[in-house]
Amino acid sequence: MQLHEIRKQIIHQLQYDVEIWNDILSNTNPGNYGVNDWEVEINEAKLYVDIPKNEFNFNNSRFSANLIMGASKGDTSFDIPYNKLVSGKGTFEFANNQEVKITEVEIEIDKDVFND
């Protein structure tokens, strides 16, 4: 398996792993009542992969979401854009010759909604 394919698979998993980003969204400050949508942008060139150690890290990537604030719905709810730089690191394993699976990930992000 080539490095390019390993990076693509790790980025794809990071972009679509609901558990990772739901945890972050659930812990924003001052808190939110939901999210309309979210997106993770990780440039392949900013993802470093250490194959012998089965580790990866990335930085200066972007996480954005539209948070629902005030109340879960109705006249008292309003949307706030949440756009932050994100960094992270983790470990992976080879499930087989063609598949990589993230086993652990730590994300660093400013969880303050109003801090730009």
PDB file of N, CA and C in Angstrom:
ATOM      1  N   MET A   1       0.845  -1.172   0.000  1.00  0.00           N
ATOM      2  CA  MET A   1       0.000   0.000   0.000  1.00  0.00           C
ATOM      3  C   MET A   1       0.893   1.240   0.000  1.00  0.00           C
ATOM      4  N   GLN A   2       0.581   2.190  -0.855  1.00  0.00           N
ATOM      5  CA  GLN A   2       1.389   3.385  -0.982  1.00  0.00           C
ATOM      6  C   GLN A   2       0.986   4.436   0.050  1.00  0.00           C
ATOM      7  N   LEU A   3       1.927   5.306   0.384  1.00  0.00           N
ATOM      8  CA  LEU A   3       1.705   6.356   1.372  1.00  0.00           C
ATOM      9  C   LEU A   3       0.513   7.234   1.004  1.00  0.00           C
ATOM     10  N   HIS A   4       0.384   7.562  -0.250  1.00  0.00           N
ATOM     11  CA  HIS A   4      -0.728   8.387  -0.720  1.00  0.00           C
ATOM     12  C   HIS A   4      -2.076   7.744  -0.353  1.00  0.00           C
ATOM     13  N   GLU A   5      -2.203   6.462  -0.546  1.00  0.00           N
ATOM     14  CA  GLU A   5      -3.463   5.766  -0.234  1.00  0.00           C
ATOM     15  C   GLU A   5      -3.703   5.712   1.278  1.00  0.00           C
ATOM     16  N   ILE A   6      -2.659   5.525   2.064  1.00  0.00           N
ATOM     17  CA  ILE A   6      -2.792   5.521   3.526  1.00  0.00           C
ATOM     18  C   ILE A   6      -3.300   6.884   3.985  1.00  0.00           C
ATOM     19  N   ARG A   7      -2.697   7.954   3.472  1.00  0.00           N
ATOM     20  CA  ARG A   7      -3.135   9.313   3.824  1.00  0.00           C
ATOM     21  C   ARG A   7      -4.595   9.538   3.439  1.00  0.00           C
ATOM     22  N   LYS A   8      -4.974   9.139   2.227  1.00  0.00           N
ATOM     23  CA  LYS A   8      -6.358   9.324   1.778  1.00  0.00           C
ATOM     24  C   LYS A   8      -7.342   8.622   2.700  1.00  0.00           C
ATOM     25  N   GLN A   9      -7.020   7.406   3.108  1.00  0.00           N
ATOM     26  CA  GLN A   9      -7.925   6.650   3.976  1.00  0.00           C
ATOM     27  C   GLN A   9      -8.024   7.280   5.362  1.00  0.00           C
ATOM     28  N   ILE A  10      -6.910   7.732   5.906  1.00  0.00           N
ATOM     29  CA  ILE A  10      -6.930   8.379   7.230  1.00  0.00           C
ATOM     30  C   ILE A  10      -7.736   9.670   7.162  1.00  0.00           C
ATOM     31  N   ILE A  11      -7.505  10.483   6.146  1.00  0.00           N
ATOM     32  CA  ILE A  11      -8.260  11.732   5.997  1.00  0.00           C
ATOM     33  C   ILE A  11      -9.748  11.445   5.859  1.00  0.00           C
ATOM     34  N   HIS A  12     -10.102  10.480   5.052  1.00  0.00           N
ATOM     35  CA  HIS A  12     -11.514  10.138   4.867  1.00  0.00           C
ATOM     36  C   HIS A  12     -12.157   9.740   6.201  1.00  0.00           C
ATOM     37  N   GLN A  13     -11.475   8.906   6.969  1.00  0.00           N
ATOM     38  CA  GLN A  13     -12.020   8.491   8.256  1.00  0.00           C
ATOM     39  C   GLN A  13     -12.149   9.677   9.212  1.00  0.00           C
ATOM     40  N   LEU A  14     -11.153  10.562   9.221  1.00  0.00           N
ATOM     41  CA  LEU A  14     -11.223  11.735  10.083  1.00  0.00           C
ATOM     42  C   LEU A  14     -12.368  12.662   9.676  1.00  0.00           C
ATOM     43  N   GLN A  15     -12.598  12.799   8.397  1.00  0.00           N
ATOM     44  CA  GLN A  15     -13.642  13.698   7.916  1.00  0.00           C
ATOM     45  C   GLN A  15     -15.045  13.193   8.233  1.00  0.00           C
ATOM     46  N   TYR A  16     -15.227  11.896   8.315  1.00  0.00           N
ATOM     47  CA  TYR A  16     -16.576  11.355   8.439  1.00  0.00           C
ATOM     48  C   TYR A  16     -16.848  10.606   9.745  1.00  0.00           C
ATOM     49  N   ASP A  17     -15.920  10.644  10.696  1.00  0.00           N
ATOM     50  CA  ASP A  17     -16.137   9.969  11.973  1.00  0.00           C
ATOM     51  C   ASP A  17     -17.000  10.845  12.874  1.00  0.00           C
ATOM     52  N   VAL A  18     -18.258  10.536  12.955  1.00  0.00           N
ATOM     53  CA  VAL A  18     -19.228  11.327  13.709  1.00  0.00           C
ATOM     54  C   VAL A  18     -18.853  11.404  15.188  1.00  0.00           C
ATOM     55  N   GLU A  19     -18.325  10.340  15.746  1.00  0.00           N
ATOM     56  CA  GLU A  19     -18.000  10.321  17.173  1.00  0.00           C
ATOM     57  C   GLU A  19     -16.951  11.363  17.526  1.00  0.00           C
ATOM     58  N   ILE A  20     -15.928  11.513  16.715  1.00  0.00           N
ATOM     59  CA  ILE A  20     -14.865  12.493  16.988  1.00  0.00           C
ATOM     60  C   ILE A  20     -15.459  13.893  17.063  1.00  0.00           C
ATOM     61  N   TRP A  21     -16.179  14.274  16.038  1.00  0.00           N
ATOM     62  CA  TRP A  21     -16.654  15.652  15.918  1.00  0.00           C
ATOM     63  C   TRP A  21     -17.872  15.907  16.792  1.00  0.00           C
ATOM     64  N   ASN A  22     -18.688  14.905  17.038  1.00  0.00           N
ATOM     65  CA  ASN A  22     -19.815  15.072  17.942  1.00  0.00           C
ATOM     66  C   ASN A  22     -19.327  15.375  19.350  1.00  0.00           C
ATOM     67  N   ASP A  23     -18.259  14.729  19.772  1.00  0.00           N
ATOM     68  CA  ASP A  23     -17.678  14.985  21.088  1.00  0.00           C
ATOM     69  C   ASP A  23     -17.229  16.439  21.186  1.00  0.00           C
ATOM     70  N   ILE A  24     -16.588  16.935  20.164  1.00  0.00           N
ATOM     71  CA  ILE A  24     -16.139  18.334  20.163  1.00  0.00           C
ATOM     72  C   ILE A  24     -17.337  19.269  20.202  1.00  0.00           C
ATOM     73  N   LEU A  25     -18.318  19.024  19.350  1.00  0.00           N
ATOM     74  CA  LEU A  25     -19.494  19.888  19.299  1.00  0.00           C
ATOM     75  C   LEU A  25     -20.284  19.860  20.605  1.00  0.00           C
ATOM     76  N   SER A  26     -20.318  18.723  21.257  1.00  0.00           N
ATOM     77  CA  SER A  26     -21.047  18.601  22.523  1.00  0.00           C
ATOM     78  C   SER A  26     -20.373  19.371  23.654  1.00  0.00           C
ATOM     79  N   ASN A  27     -19.098  19.684  23.474  1.00  0.00           N
ATOM     80  CA  ASN A  27     -18.339  20.348  24.532  1.00  0.00           C
ATOM     81  C   ASN A  27     -17.928  21.766  24.180  1.00  0.00           C
ATOM     82  N   THR A  28     -18.620  22.384  23.221  1.00  0.00           N
ATOM     83  CA  THR A  28     -18.311  23.777  22.914  1.00  0.00           C
ATOM     84  C   THR A  28     -18.768  24.659  24.066  1.00  0.00           C
ATOM     85  N   ASN A  29     -18.148  25.826  24.148  1.00  0.00           N
ATOM     86  CA  ASN A  29     -18.460  26.769  25.203  1.00  0.00           C
ATOM     87  C   ASN A  29     -19.035  28.026  24.563  1.00  0.00           C
ATOM     88  N   PRO A  30     -20.228  28.452  24.871  1.00  0.00           N
ATOM     89  CA  PRO A  30     -21.055  28.172  26.037  1.00  0.00           C
ATOM     90  C   PRO A  30     -22.014  27.007  25.879  1.00  0.00           C
ATOM     91  N   GLY A  31     -21.821  26.171  24.927  1.00  0.00           N
ATOM     92  CA  GLY A  31     -22.716  25.034  24.712  1.00  0.00           C
ATOM     93  C   GLY A  31     -23.641  25.321  23.547  1.00  0.00           C
ATOM     94  N   ASN A  32     -24.173  24.293  22.968  1.00  0.00           N
ATOM     95  CA  ASN A  32     -25.105  24.472  21.858  1.00  0.00           C
ATOM     96  C   ASN A  32     -26.174  23.392  21.949  1.00  0.00           C
ATOM     97  N   TYR A  33     -27.224  23.576  21.175  1.00  0.00           N
ATOM     98  CA  TYR A  33     -28.345  22.644  21.214  1.00  0.00           C
ATOM     99  C   TYR A  33     -28.431  21.764  19.979  1.00  0.00           C
ATOM    100  N   GLY A  34     -27.478  21.903  19.134  1.00  0.00           N
ATOM    101  CA  GLY A  34     -27.496  21.082  17.932  1.00  0.00           C
ATOM    102  C   GLY A  34     -26.569  21.659  16.887  1.00  0.00           C
ATOM    103  N   VAL A  35     -26.544  20.981  15.774  1.00  0.00           N
ATOM    104  CA  VAL A  35     -25.694  21.414  14.671  1.00  0.00           C
ATOM    105  C   VAL A  35     -26.449  21.154  13.374  1.00  0.00           C
ATOM    106  N   ASN A  36     -26.421  22.121  12.493  1.00  0.00           N
ATOM    107  CA  ASN A  36     -27.070  21.945  11.195  1.00  0.00           C
ATOM    108  C   ASN A  36     -26.184  21.153  10.249  1.00  0.00           C
ATOM    109  N   ASP A  37     -24.920  21.467  10.222  1.00  0.00           N
ATOM    110  CA  ASP A  37     -23.969  20.738   9.377  1.00  0.00           C
ATOM    111  C   ASP A  37     -22.562  20.999   9.879  1.00  0.00           C
ATOM    112  N   TRP A  38     -21.633  20.146   9.476  1.00  0.00           N
ATOM    113  CA  TRP A  38     -20.236  20.337   9.817  1.00  0.00           C
ATOM    114  C   TRP A  38     -19.368  19.804   8.696  1.00  0.00           C
ATOM    115  N   GLU A  39     -18.134  20.314   8.640  1.00  0.00           N
ATOM    116  CA  GLU A  39     -17.205  19.914   7.591  1.00  0.00           C
ATOM    117  C   GLU A  39     -15.775  19.939   8.139  1.00  0.00           C
ATOM    118  N   VAL A  40     -14.996  18.984   7.721  1.00  0.00           N
ATOM    119  CA  VAL A  40     -13.596  18.891   8.109  1.00  0.00           C
ATOM    120  C   VAL A  40     -12.755  18.960   6.836  1.00  0.00           C
ATOM    121  N   GLU A  41     -11.799  19.885   6.817  1.00  0.00           N
ATOM    122  CA  GLU A  41     -10.902  20.014   5.678  1.00  0.00           C
ATOM    123  C   GLU A  41      -9.484  19.722   6.139  1.00  0.00           C
ATOM    124  N   ILE A  42      -8.921  18.623   5.655  1.00  0.00           N
ATOM    125  CA  ILE A  42      -7.542  18.261   5.977  1.00  0.00           C
ATOM    126  C   ILE A  42      -6.795  18.103   4.661  1.00  0.00           C
ATOM    127  N   ASN A  43      -5.793  18.928   4.473  1.00  0.00           N
ATOM    128  CA  ASN A  43      -4.963  18.860   3.282  1.00  0.00           C
ATOM    129  C   ASN A  43      -4.017  17.661   3.423  1.00  0.00           C
ATOM    130  N   GLU A  44      -3.945  16.842   2.401  1.00  0.00           N
ATOM    131  CA  GLU A  44      -3.086  15.656   2.447  1.00  0.00           C
ATOM    132  C   GLU A  44      -1.633  16.018   2.743  1.00  0.00           C
ATOM    133  N   ALA A  45      -1.196  17.178   2.279  1.00  0.00           N
ATOM    134  CA  ALA A  45       0.185  17.610   2.514  1.00  0.00           C
ATOM    135  C   ALA A  45       0.441  17.958   3.982  1.00  0.00           C
ATOM    136  N   LYS A  46      -0.629  18.208   4.753  1.00  0.00           N
ATOM    137  CA  LYS A  46      -0.492  18.553   6.167  1.00  0.00           C
ATOM    138  C   LYS A  46      -0.690  17.357   7.087  1.00  0.00           C
ATOM    139  N   LEU A  47      -0.805  16.174   6.502  1.00  0.00           N
ATOM    140  CA  LEU A  47      -0.959  14.950   7.281  1.00  0.00           C
ATOM    141  C   LEU A  47       0.349  14.172   7.213  1.00  0.00           C
ATOM    142  N   TYR A  48       1.007  14.016   8.356  1.00  0.00           N
ATOM    143  CA  TYR A  48       2.252  13.267   8.432  1.00  0.00           C
ATOM    144  C   TYR A  48       1.932  11.861   8.918  1.00  0.00           C
ATOM    145  N   VAL A  49       2.443  10.864   8.223  1.00  0.00           N
ATOM    146  CA  VAL A  49       2.216   9.473   8.583  1.00  0.00           C
ATOM    147  C   VAL A  49       3.554   8.793   8.836  1.00  0.00           C
ATOM    148  N   ASP A  50       3.680   8.171  10.006  1.00  0.00           N
ATOM    149  CA  ASP A  50       4.864   7.388  10.360  1.00  0.00           C
ATOM    150  C   ASP A  50       4.453   5.916  10.292  1.00  0.00           C
ATOM    151  N   ILE A  51       4.741   5.283   9.176  1.00  0.00           N
ATOM    152  CA  ILE A  51       4.287   3.907   8.944  1.00  0.00           C
ATOM    153  C   ILE A  51       4.888   2.914   9.939  1.00  0.00           C
ATOM    154  N   PRO A  52       6.202   2.959  10.212  1.00  0.00           N
ATOM    155  CA  PRO A  52       6.742   1.977  11.163  1.00  0.00           C
ATOM    156  C   PRO A  52       6.111   2.056  12.562  1.00  0.00           C
ATOM    157  N   LYS A  53       5.725   3.259  12.991  1.00  0.00           N
ATOM    158  CA  LYS A  53       5.117   3.424  14.317  1.00  0.00           C
ATOM    159  C   LYS A  53       3.590   3.393  14.271  1.00  0.00           C
ATOM    160  N   ASN A  54       3.016   3.323  13.066  1.00  0.00           N
ATOM    161  CA  ASN A  54       1.554   3.356  12.889  1.00  0.00           C
ATOM    162  C   ASN A  54       0.940   4.586  13.563  1.00  0.00           C
ATOM    163  N   GLU A  55       1.560   5.746  13.339  1.00  0.00           N
ATOM    164  CA  GLU A  55       1.094   6.993  13.913  1.00  0.00           C
ATOM    165  C   GLU A  55       0.875   8.024  12.813  1.00  0.00           C
ATOM    166  N   PHE A  56       0.024   8.998  13.103  1.00  0.00           N
ATOM    167  CA  PHE A  56      -0.184  10.106  12.190  1.00  0.00           C
ATOM    168  C   PHE A  56      -0.418  11.378  12.992  1.00  0.00           C
ATOM    169  N   ASN A  57      -0.189  12.517  12.349  1.00  0.00           N
ATOM    170  CA  ASN A  57      -0.552  13.797  12.936  1.00  0.00           C
ATOM    171  C   ASN A  57      -0.826  14.792  11.826  1.00  0.00           C
ATOM    172  N   PHE A  58      -1.603  15.800  12.154  1.00  0.00           N
ATOM    173  CA  PHE A  58      -1.941  16.845  11.196  1.00  0.00           C
ATOM    174  C   PHE A  58      -2.093  18.157  11.947  1.00  0.00           C
ATOM    175  N   ASN A  59      -1.954  19.265  11.227  1.00  0.00           N
ATOM    176  CA  ASN A  59      -2.145  20.574  11.836  1.00  0.00           C
ATOM    177  C   ASN A  59      -2.670  21.549  10.800  1.00  0.00           C
ATOM    178  N   ASN A  60      -3.032  22.723  11.291  1.00  0.00           N
ATOM    179  CA  ASN A  60      -3.536  23.794  10.431  1.00  0.00           C
ATOM    180  C   ASN A  60      -4.611  23.316   9.467  1.00  0.00           C
ATOM    181  N   SER A  61      -5.496  22.495   9.966  1.00  0.00           N
ATOM    182  CA  SER A  61      -6.641  22.045   9.183  1.00  0.00           C
ATOM    183  C   SER A  61      -7.857  22.836   9.662  1.00  0.00           C
ATOM    184  N   ARG A  62      -8.969  22.662   9.014  1.00  0.00           N
ATOM    185  CA  ARG A  62     -10.145  23.481   9.318  1.00  0.00           C
ATOM    186  C   ARG A  62     -11.340  22.607   9.673  1.00  0.00           C
ATOM    187  N   PHE A  63     -12.011  22.991  10.760  1.00  0.00           N
ATOM    188  CA  PHE A  63     -13.283  22.382  11.157  1.00  0.00           C
ATOM    189  C   PHE A  63     -14.309  23.502  11.191  1.00  0.00           C
ATOM    190  N   SER A  64     -15.413  23.303  10.519  1.00  0.00           N
ATOM    191  CA  SER A  64     -16.471  24.320  10.525  1.00  0.00           C
ATOM    192  C   SER A  64     -17.825  23.650  10.722  1.00  0.00           C
ATOM    193  N   ALA A  65     -18.710  24.390  11.398  1.00  0.00           N
ATOM    194  CA  ALA A  65     -20.052  23.893  11.669  1.00  0.00           C
ATOM    195  C   ALA A  65     -20.986  25.075  11.848  1.00  0.00           C
ATOM    196  N   ASN A  66     -22.261  24.833  11.691  1.00  0.00           N
ATOM    197  CA  ASN A  66     -23.297  25.801  12.019  1.00  0.00           C
ATOM    198  C   ASN A  66     -24.001  25.295  13.266  1.00  0.00           C
ATOM    199  N   LEU A  67     -23.744  25.954  14.392  1.00  0.00           N
ATOM    200  CA  LEU A  67     -24.302  25.532  15.670  1.00  0.00           C
ATOM    201  C   LEU A  67     -25.639  26.199  15.917  1.00  0.00           C
ATOM    202  N   ILE A  68     -26.557  25.462  16.507  1.00  0.00           N
ATOM    203  CA  ILE A  68     -27.858  26.005  16.896  1.00  0.00           C
ATOM    204  C   ILE A  68     -27.744  26.426  18.358  1.00  0.00           C
ATOM    205  N   MET A  69     -27.944  27.697  18.616  1.00  0.00           N
ATOM    206  CA  MET A  69     -27.803  28.253  19.961  1.00  0.00           C
ATOM    207  C   MET A  69     -29.160  28.720  20.466  1.00  0.00           C
ATOM    208  N   GLY A  70     -29.256  28.965  21.779  1.00  0.00           N
ATOM    209  CA  GLY A  70     -30.468  29.517  22.383  1.00  0.00           C
ATOM    210  C   GLY A  70     -31.461  28.459  22.789  1.00  0.00           C
ATOM    211  N   ALA A  71     -31.961  27.722  21.844  1.00  0.00           N
ATOM    212  CA  ALA A  71     -32.904  26.629  22.099  1.00  0.00           C
ATOM    213  C   ALA A  71     -32.810  25.677  20.913  1.00  0.00           C
ATOM    214  N   SER A  72     -33.316  24.495  21.085  1.00  0.00           N
ATOM    215  CA  SER A  72     -33.179  23.504  20.024  1.00  0.00           C
ATOM    216  C   SER A  72     -33.961  23.861  18.770  1.00  0.00           C
ATOM    217  N   LYS A  73     -35.035  24.624  18.926  1.00  0.00           N
ATOM    218  CA  LYS A  73     -35.807  25.093  17.774  1.00  0.00           C
ATOM    219  C   LYS A  73     -36.761  26.183  18.227  1.00  0.00           C
ATOM    220  N   GLY A  74     -37.334  26.858  17.273  1.00  0.00           N
ATOM    221  CA  GLY A  74     -38.311  27.882  17.603  1.00  0.00           C
ATOM    222  C   GLY A  74     -37.750  29.289  17.512  1.00  0.00           C
ATOM    223  N   ASP A  75     -38.511  30.234  18.063  1.00  0.00           N
ATOM    224  CA  ASP A  75     -38.164  31.652  17.955  1.00  0.00           C
ATOM    225  C   ASP A  75     -36.915  32.036  18.725  1.00  0.00           C
ATOM    226  N   THR A  76     -36.542  31.264  19.728  1.00  0.00           N
ATOM    227  CA  THR A  76     -35.382  31.630  20.545  1.00  0.00           C
ATOM    228  C   THR A  76     -34.094  30.970  20.073  1.00  0.00           C
ATOM    229  N   SER A  77     -34.130  30.222  18.996  1.00  0.00           N
ATOM    230  CA  SER A  77     -32.904  29.598  18.494  1.00  0.00           C
ATOM    231  C   SER A  77     -32.290  30.469  17.395  1.00  0.00           C
ATOM    232  N   PHE A  78     -30.978  30.368  17.275  1.00  0.00           N
ATOM    233  CA  PHE A  78     -30.267  31.081  16.220  1.00  0.00           C
ATOM    234  C   PHE A  78     -29.004  30.292  15.884  1.00  0.00           C
ATOM    235  N   ASP A  79     -28.527  30.467  14.673  1.00  0.00           N
ATOM    236  CA  ASP A  79     -27.332  29.762  14.210  1.00  0.00           C
ATOM    237  C   ASP A  79     -26.096  30.624  14.417  1.00  0.00           C
ATOM    238  N   ILE A  80     -25.026  29.987  14.810  1.00  0.00           N
ATOM    239  CA  ILE A  80     -23.723  30.629  14.962  1.00  0.00           C
ATOM    240  C   ILE A  80     -22.722  29.829  14.142  1.00  0.00           C
ATOM    241  N   PRO A  81     -21.963  30.483  13.264  1.00  0.00           N
ATOM    242  CA  PRO A  81     -20.917  29.753  12.545  1.00  0.00           C
ATOM    243  C   PRO A  81     -19.746  29.456  13.494  1.00  0.00           C
ATOM    244  N   TYR A  82     -19.220  28.270  13.399  1.00  0.00           N
ATOM    245  CA  TYR A  82     -18.104  27.822  14.235  1.00  0.00           C
ATOM    246  C   TYR A  82     -17.013  27.348  13.283  1.00  0.00           C
ATOM    247  N   ASN A  83     -15.980  28.170  13.126  1.00  0.00           N
ATOM    248  CA  ASN A  83     -14.877  27.870  12.208  1.00  0.00           C
ATOM    249  C   ASN A  83     -13.571  27.929  12.984  1.00  0.00           C
ATOM    250  N   LYS A  84     -12.899  26.815  13.081  1.00  0.00           N
ATOM    251  CA  LYS A  84     -11.687  26.743  13.894  1.00  0.00           C
ATOM    252  C   LYS A  84     -10.588  25.980  13.177  1.00  0.00           C
ATOM    253  N   LEU A  85      -9.347  26.375  13.491  1.00  0.00           N
ATOM    254  CA  LEU A  85      -8.215  25.565  13.074  1.00  0.00           C
ATOM    255  C   LEU A  85      -8.158  24.354  13.991  1.00  0.00           C
ATOM    256  N   VAL A  86      -7.759  23.237  13.439  1.00  0.00           N
ATOM    257  CA  VAL A  86      -7.730  22.001  14.212  1.00  0.00           C
ATOM    258  C   VAL A  86      -6.426  21.260  13.925  1.00  0.00           C
ATOM    259  N   SER A  87      -5.909  20.631  14.962  1.00  0.00           N
ATOM    260  CA  SER A  87      -4.743  19.758  14.846  1.00  0.00           C
ATOM    261  C   SER A  87      -5.074  18.453  15.539  1.00  0.00           C
ATOM    262  N   GLY A  88      -4.333  17.430  15.232  1.00  0.00           N
ATOM    263  CA  GLY A  88      -4.600  16.158  15.880  1.00  0.00           C
ATOM    264  C   GLY A  88      -3.497  15.156  15.658  1.00  0.00           C
ATOM    265  N   LYS A  89      -3.610  14.067  16.383  1.00  0.00           N
ATOM    266  CA  LYS A  89      -2.672  12.968  16.228  1.00  0.00           C
ATOM    267  C   LYS A  89      -3.397  11.688  16.575  1.00  0.00           C
ATOM    268  N   GLY A  90      -2.838  10.592  16.136  1.00  0.00           N
ATOM    269  CA  GLY A  90      -3.477   9.327  16.434  1.00  0.00           C
ATOM    270  C   GLY A  90      -2.662   8.144  15.974  1.00  0.00           C
ATOM    271  N   THR A  91      -3.288   6.999  16.106  1.00  0.00           N
ATOM    272  CA  THR A  91      -2.657   5.749  15.686  1.00  0.00           C
ATOM    273  C   THR A  91      -3.595   5.028  14.729  1.00  0.00           C
ATOM    274  N   PHE A  92      -3.028   4.135  13.960  1.00  0.00           N
ATOM    275  CA  PHE A  92      -3.811   3.362  13.004  1.00  0.00           C
ATOM    276  C   PHE A  92      -3.244   1.959  12.920  1.00  0.00           C
ATOM    277  N   GLU A  93      -4.014   1.084  12.306  1.00  0.00           N
ATOM    278  CA  GLU A  93      -3.541  -0.266  12.054  1.00  0.00           C
ATOM    279  C   GLU A  93      -3.939  -0.654  10.638  1.00  0.00           C
ATOM    280  N   PHE A  94      -3.259  -1.625  10.117  1.00  0.00           N
ATOM    281  CA  PHE A  94      -3.599  -2.146   8.804  1.00  0.00           C
ATOM    282  C   PHE A  94      -4.588  -3.291   8.996  1.00  0.00           C
ATOM    283  N   ALA A  95      -5.805  -3.095   8.520  1.00  0.00           N
ATOM    284  CA  ALA A  95      -6.835  -4.127   8.638  1.00  0.00           C
ATOM    285  C   ALA A  95      -6.527  -5.275   7.669  1.00  0.00           C
ATOM    286  N   ASN A  96      -5.989  -4.924   6.520  1.00  0.00           N
ATOM    287  CA  ASN A  96      -5.527  -5.885   5.523  1.00  0.00           C
ATOM    288  C   ASN A  96      -4.600  -5.137   4.569  1.00  0.00           C
ATOM    289  N   ASN A  97      -4.253  -5.705   3.451  1.00  0.00           N
ATOM    290  CA  ASN A  97      -3.313  -5.060   2.527  1.00  0.00           C
ATOM    291  C   ASN A  97      -3.872  -3.811   1.861  1.00  0.00           C
ATOM    292  N   GLN A  98      -5.170  -3.618   1.917  1.00  0.00           N
ATOM    293  CA  GLN A  98      -5.795  -2.500   1.211  1.00  0.00           C
ATOM    294  C   GLN A  98      -6.563  -1.539   2.128  1.00  0.00           C
ATOM    295  N   GLU A  99      -6.539  -1.785   3.434  1.00  0.00           N
ATOM    296  CA  GLU A  99      -7.371  -0.981   4.323  1.00  0.00           C
ATOM    297  C   GLU A  99      -6.624  -0.567   5.584  1.00  0.00           C
ATOM    298  N   VAL A 100      -6.772   0.713   5.918  1.00  0.00           N
ATOM    299  CA  VAL A 100      -6.202   1.289   7.126  1.00  0.00           C
ATOM    300  C   VAL A 100      -7.356   1.666   8.046  1.00  0.00           C
ATOM    301  N   LYS A 101      -7.186   1.430   9.342  1.00  0.00           N
ATOM    302  CA  LYS A 101      -8.228   1.755  10.304  1.00  0.00           C
ATOM    303  C   LYS A 101      -7.617   2.579  11.438  1.00  0.00           C
ATOM    304  N   ILE A 102      -8.217   3.751  11.714  1.00  0.00           N
ATOM    305  CA  ILE A 102      -7.771   4.569  12.837  1.00  0.00           C
ATOM    306  C   ILE A 102      -8.162   3.859  14.127  1.00  0.00           C
ATOM    307  N   THR A 103      -7.208   3.747  15.053  1.00  0.00           N
ATOM    308  CA  THR A 103      -7.494   3.077  16.325  1.00  0.00           C
ATOM    309  C   THR A 103      -7.620   4.061  17.477  1.00  0.00           C
ATOM    310  N   GLU A 104      -6.978   5.226  17.349  1.00  0.00           N
ATOM    311  CA  GLU A 104      -7.029   6.228  18.405  1.00  0.00           C
ATOM    312  C   GLU A 104      -6.781   7.592  17.787  1.00  0.00           C
ATOM    313  N   VAL A 105      -7.455   8.603  18.313  1.00  0.00           N
ATOM    314  CA  VAL A 105      -7.252   9.961  17.801  1.00  0.00           C
ATOM    315  C   VAL A 105      -7.461  10.974  18.927  1.00  0.00           C
ATOM    316  N   GLU A 106      -6.605  11.997  18.947  1.00  0.00           N
ATOM    317  CA  GLU A 106      -6.723  13.122  19.871  1.00  0.00           C
ATOM    318  C   GLU A 106      -6.791  14.389  19.025  1.00  0.00           C
ATOM    319  N   ILE A 107      -7.778  15.227  19.302  1.00  0.00           N
ATOM    320  CA  ILE A 107      -7.989  16.451  18.544  1.00  0.00           C
ATOM    321  C   ILE A 107      -7.732  17.656  19.438  1.00  0.00           C
ATOM    322  N   GLU A 108      -7.029  18.638  18.901  1.00  0.00           N
ATOM    323  CA  GLU A 108      -6.810  19.906  19.593  1.00  0.00           C
ATOM    324  C   GLU A 108      -7.562  20.982  18.834  1.00  0.00           C
ATOM    325  N   ILE A 109      -8.498  21.643  19.544  1.00  0.00           N
ATOM    326  CA  ILE A 109      -9.318  22.681  18.922  1.00  0.00           C
ATOM    327  C   ILE A 109      -9.812  23.628  20.014  1.00  0.00           C
ATOM    328  N   ASP A 110      -9.944  24.888  19.670  1.00  0.00           N
ATOM    329  CA  ASP A 110     -10.517  25.875  20.583  1.00  0.00           C
ATOM    330  C   ASP A 110     -12.025  25.637  20.626  1.00  0.00           C
ATOM    331  N   LYS A 111     -12.549  25.303  21.779  1.00  0.00           N
ATOM    332  CA  LYS A 111     -13.969  24.979  21.915  1.00  0.00           C
ATOM    333  C   LYS A 111     -14.827  26.191  22.271  1.00  0.00           C
ATOM    334  N   ASP A 112     -14.214  27.368  22.348  1.00  0.00           N
ATOM    335  CA  ASP A 112     -14.960  28.589  22.636  1.00  0.00           C
ATOM    336  C   ASP A 112     -15.599  29.084  21.337  1.00  0.00           C
ATOM    337  N   VAL A 113     -16.912  29.072  21.291  1.00  0.00           N
ATOM    338  CA  VAL A 113     -17.656  29.418  20.081  1.00  0.00           C
ATOM    339  C   VAL A 113     -17.393  30.856  19.657  1.00  0.00           C
ATOM    340  N   PHE A 114     -17.238  31.758  20.614  1.00  0.00           N
ATOM    341  CA  PHE A 114     -17.136  33.176  20.287  1.00  0.00           C
ATOM    342  C   PHE A 114     -15.694  33.674  20.199  1.00  0.00           C
ATOM    343  N   ASN A 115     -14.728  32.807  20.316  1.00  0.00           N
ATOM    344  CA  ASN A 115     -13.316  33.181  20.229  1.00  0.00           C
ATOM    345  C   ASN A 115     -12.807  32.895  18.829  1.00  0.00           C
ATOM    346  N   ASP A 116     -12.431  33.920  18.097  1.00  0.00           N
ATOM    347  CA  ASP A 116     -11.922  33.718  16.732  1.00  0.00           C
ATOM    348  C   ASP A 116     -10.447  33.737  16.702  1.00  0.00           C
TER     349      ASP A 116
END
